[in-house]
């Protein structure tokens, strides 16, 4: 289980795994979290860490009435794989297929 923290001051969700920092960065624009970068060190890939970061970000957005704009390829792919999350897209954002 990955412990994800919301570091609001740095505008990111983060987890430290095996001493290495993993992040999902965003910019807040009004009520929209523009998710623009997700990074997990190569040595930690394939362990579900990026998914845990994105799940935490989406849960935070939903709990706080925010929308998610997936500018990061990983976040877009995650939201495509989990269509129930697409309700968090801004109304003017193109559908993810």
Protein backbone atom coordinates (compact mmCIF):
# COMPACT_ATOMS: atom_id res chain seq x y z
CA UNK A 1 0.00 0.00 0.00
CA UNK A 2 1.42 3.36 -1.07
CA UNK A 3 0.96 6.28 1.33
CA UNK A 4 0.12 9.36 -0.74
CA UNK A 5 0.33 12.87 0.70
CA UNK A 6 -1.17 16.04 -0.72
CA UNK A 7 1.53 18.69 -0.66
CA UNK A 8 -0.68 21.71 -1.41
CA UNK A 9 2.22 24.14 -1.03
CA UNK A 10 4.09 22.37 -3.86
CA UNK A 11 0.86 21.72 -5.84
CA UNK A 12 1.40 17.99 -6.02
CA UNK A 13 0.50 14.61 -4.65
CA UNK A 14 3.54 12.67 -3.55
CA UNK A 15 4.73 9.39 -2.13
CA UNK A 16 8.16 8.32 -0.98
CA UNK A 17 8.83 4.69 -1.86
CA UNK A 18 12.13 3.00 -1.09
CA UNK A 19 13.56 6.46 -0.37
CA UNK A 20 12.57 7.83 -3.79
CA UNK A 21 10.06 10.62 -4.42
CA UNK A 22 7.14 9.95 -6.76
CA UNK A 23 4.87 12.85 -7.77
CA UNK A 24 1.73 13.92 -9.59
CA UNK A 25 1.93 17.68 -10.18
CA UNK A 26 -0.93 20.05 -10.86
CA UNK A 27 -1.74 23.71 -11.31
CA UNK A 28 -4.93 25.01 -9.75
CA UNK A 29 -6.88 27.38 -12.02
CA UNK A 30 -10.10 28.38 -10.31
CA UNK A 31 -11.90 25.12 -9.63
CA UNK A 32 -9.82 23.09 -12.12
CA UNK A 33 -6.78 21.00 -11.21
CA UNK A 34 -4.64 20.89 -14.34
CA UNK A 35 -2.74 17.63 -13.86
CA UNK A 36 0.39 18.22 -15.96
CA UNK A 37 3.07 15.76 -14.80
CA UNK A 38 3.31 12.35 -13.16
CA UNK A 39 6.72 10.87 -12.36
CA UNK A 40 7.80 7.60 -10.82
CA UNK A 41 11.50 6.63 -10.91
CA UNK A 42 12.23 3.84 -13.39
CA UNK A 43 13.30 1.46 -10.61
CA UNK A 44 9.80 1.73 -9.08
CA UNK A 45 7.71 1.43 -12.24
CA UNK A 46 5.09 -1.29 -12.47
CA UNK A 47 4.17 -1.20 -8.78
CA UNK A 48 0.97 0.86 -9.09
CA UNK A 49 2.48 3.99 -7.59
CA UNK A 50 1.43 6.38 -10.37
CA UNK A 51 -2.10 4.97 -10.17
CA UNK A 52 -2.17 5.57 -6.41
CA UNK A 53 -1.04 9.18 -6.92
CA UNK A 54 -3.72 9.81 -9.54
CA UNK A 55 -6.45 8.11 -7.46
CA UNK A 56 -5.55 10.39 -4.54
CA UNK A 57 -5.67 13.47 -6.76
CA UNK A 58 -9.05 12.48 -8.21
CA UNK A 59 -10.46 11.73 -4.75
CA UNK A 60 -9.23 15.12 -3.52
CA UNK A 61 -10.83 16.86 -6.51
CA UNK A 62 -14.14 15.09 -5.99
CA UNK A 63 -14.19 15.81 -2.24
CA UNK A 64 -13.50 19.49 -2.86
CA UNK A 65 -15.77 20.16 -5.83
CA UNK A 66 -12.88 20.49 -8.26
CA UNK A 67 -12.58 19.39 -11.89
CA UNK A 68 -9.61 17.55 -13.40
CA UNK A 69 -7.98 18.62 -16.65
CA UNK A 70 -5.67 15.73 -17.64
CA UNK A 71 -2.77 17.42 -19.43
CA UNK A 72 -0.45 14.55 -18.47
CA UNK A 73 -0.55 11.49 -20.76
CA UNK A 74 -0.62 9.14 -17.76
CA UNK A 75 -3.58 10.92 -16.17
CA UNK A 76 -5.46 10.86 -19.51
CA UNK A 77 -4.77 7.13 -19.88
CA UNK A 78 -5.86 6.48 -16.27
CA UNK A 79 -9.13 8.35 -16.81
CA UNK A 80 -9.72 6.44 -20.07
CA UNK A 81 -9.23 3.13 -18.23
CA UNK A 82 -11.58 4.30 -15.45
CA UNK A 83 -14.48 5.97 -17.30
CA UNK A 84 -16.32 6.66 -14.02
CA UNK A 85 -13.65 9.31 -13.30
CA UNK A 86 -14.52 11.26 -16.44
CA UNK A 87 -17.36 12.99 -14.57
CA UNK A 88 -14.56 15.13 -13.10
CA UNK A 89 -13.58 16.54 -16.50
CA UNK A 90 -14.45 20.20 -17.10
CA UNK A 91 -17.60 20.58 -19.20
CA UNK A 92 -15.63 22.05 -22.12
CA UNK A 93 -12.92 19.35 -22.10
CA UNK A 94 -13.03 16.87 -25.02
CA UNK A 95 -14.22 13.37 -24.22
CA UNK A 96 -11.48 10.79 -23.54
CA UNK A 97 -11.71 7.76 -25.83
